[in-house]
Protein backbone atom coordinates (compact mmCIF):
# COMPACT_ATOMS: atom_id res chain seq x y z
CA UNK A 1 105.60 -97.20 -134.10
CA UNK A 2 108.23 -99.95 -134.20
CA UNK A 3 111.71 -99.21 -135.45
CA UNK A 4 112.62 -101.10 -138.60
CA UNK A 5 115.56 -103.46 -138.60
CA UNK A 6 118.58 -102.72 -140.76
CA UNK A 7 117.49 -105.53 -143.11
CA UNK A 8 114.00 -104.05 -143.44
CA UNK A 9 115.47 -100.64 -144.25
CA UNK A 10 117.76 -102.21 -146.82
CA UNK A 11 114.84 -104.05 -148.41
CA UNK A 12 112.73 -100.90 -148.38
CA UNK A 13 115.42 -99.14 -150.42
CA UNK A 14 115.57 -102.14 -152.78
CA UNK A 15 111.78 -102.13 -153.27
CA UNK A 16 111.93 -98.38 -153.98
CA UNK A 17 114.62 -99.03 -156.62
CA UNK A 18 112.40 -101.71 -158.15
CA UNK A 19 109.41 -99.32 -158.28
CA UNK A 20 111.51 -96.87 -160.28
CA UNK A 21 113.12 -99.51 -162.51
CA UNK A 22 110.17 -100.30 -164.76
CA UNK A 23 111.01 -104.00 -164.48
CA UNK A 24 108.66 -106.72 -163.34
CA UNK A 25 109.23 -107.89 -159.78
CA UNK A 26 110.47 -111.23 -161.11
CA UNK A 27 112.99 -109.65 -163.49
CA UNK A 28 114.20 -107.22 -160.83
CA UNK A 29 114.65 -109.94 -158.19
CA UNK A 30 116.59 -112.12 -160.62
CA UNK A 31 118.74 -109.15 -161.69
CA UNK A 32 119.62 -108.58 -158.02
CA UNK A 33 120.36 -112.28 -157.49
CA UNK A 34 117.48 -112.62 -155.05
CA UNK A 35 114.83 -115.30 -154.83
CA UNK A 36 111.58 -114.10 -156.41
CA UNK A 37 109.67 -115.47 -153.41
CA UNK A 38 111.89 -113.60 -150.94
CA UNK A 39 111.46 -110.34 -152.84
CA UNK A 40 107.67 -110.83 -152.98
CA UNK A 41 107.57 -111.54 -149.24
CA UNK A 42 109.49 -108.35 -148.44
CA UNK A 43 107.23 -106.29 -150.71
CA UNK A 44 104.21 -107.66 -148.87
CA UNK A 45 105.82 -107.23 -145.43
CA UNK A 46 106.85 -103.63 -146.08
CA UNK A 47 103.38 -102.71 -147.35
CA UNK A 48 101.81 -104.02 -144.15
CA UNK A 49 104.30 -102.06 -142.02
CA UNK A 50 104.04 -98.79 -143.94
CA UNK A 51 101.51 -96.12 -143.00
CA UNK A 52 98.62 -95.78 -145.46
CA UNK A 53 99.55 -92.25 -146.51
CA UNK A 54 102.64 -90.07 -146.24
CA UNK A 55 102.85 -88.11 -143.02
CA UNK A 56 103.99 -84.53 -143.39
CA UNK A 57 105.05 -82.05 -140.78
CA UNK A 58 104.67 -78.38 -141.55
CA UNK A 59 107.94 -76.49 -141.31
CA UNK A 60 107.58 -72.87 -140.31
CA UNK A 61 110.63 -70.71 -140.71
CA UNK A 62 110.70 -67.66 -138.46
CA UNK A 63 113.22 -65.72 -140.54
CA UNK A 64 114.17 -65.63 -144.22
CA UNK A 65 116.71 -68.33 -145.06
CA UNK A 66 120.34 -67.50 -145.57
CA UNK A 67 121.35 -67.15 -149.21
CA UNK A 68 122.32 -70.50 -150.65
CA UNK A 69 120.63 -72.52 -147.88
CA UNK A 70 119.06 -75.90 -148.59
CA UNK A 71 116.04 -77.72 -147.22
CA UNK A 72 116.35 -81.48 -146.91
CA UNK A 73 113.43 -83.93 -146.91
CA UNK A 74 114.17 -87.55 -146.03
CA UNK A 75 111.54 -89.97 -147.36
CA UNK A 76 110.55 -93.30 -145.80
CA UNK A 77 112.24 -95.16 -148.62
CA UNK A 78 115.57 -93.54 -147.74
CA UNK A 79 115.63 -91.08 -150.61
CA UNK A 80 116.68 -87.53 -149.81
CA UNK A 81 115.30 -84.48 -151.61
CA UNK A 82 117.31 -81.26 -151.29
CA UNK A 83 115.99 -77.96 -152.58
CA UNK A 84 117.32 -74.42 -152.37
CA UNK A 85 115.35 -72.40 -149.85
CA UNK A 86 115.40 -69.26 -151.95
CA UNK A 87 112.41 -69.20 -154.29
CA UNK A 88 111.16 -72.74 -153.57
CA UNK A 89 107.60 -73.38 -154.72
CA UNK A 90 105.88 -75.16 -151.80
CA UNK A 91 103.13 -76.68 -153.95
CA UNK A 92 105.60 -78.12 -156.43
CA UNK A 93 107.73 -79.49 -153.58
CA UNK A 94 104.70 -81.18 -151.96
CA UNK A 95 103.75 -82.73 -155.32
CA UNK A 96 107.30 -84.01 -155.84
CA UNK A 97 107.58 -85.49 -152.35
CA UNK A 98 104.16 -87.16 -152.65
CA UNK A 99 105.13 -88.70 -155.99
CA UNK A 100 108.47 -89.99 -154.73
CA UNK A 101 107.01 -91.33 -151.48
CA UNK A 102 103.90 -92.92 -152.98
CA UNK A 103 103.55 -96.69 -152.66
CA UNK A 104 103.51 -98.82 -155.78
């Protein structure tokens, strides 16, 4: 898998912000001071580079976590999800990560 350029990573974060904004792509691009065509090209480019489905790695912890510890999940779009290890519901966490990492 090819490493993304800094610009591609920046645009991936911008597209993720747009997906959460509720704005049309045109309105969002204009709000950011970006050409609508450039924004549309990056959306298309990032979709072709992204894997079809999120890839998860099972984390197995050999011992109970220390009190107050956190688990950190970094998503492809750059978002970070931190949850307390004590009492975390794995199903709810998977559902949350899938929703946040889902393509438009």
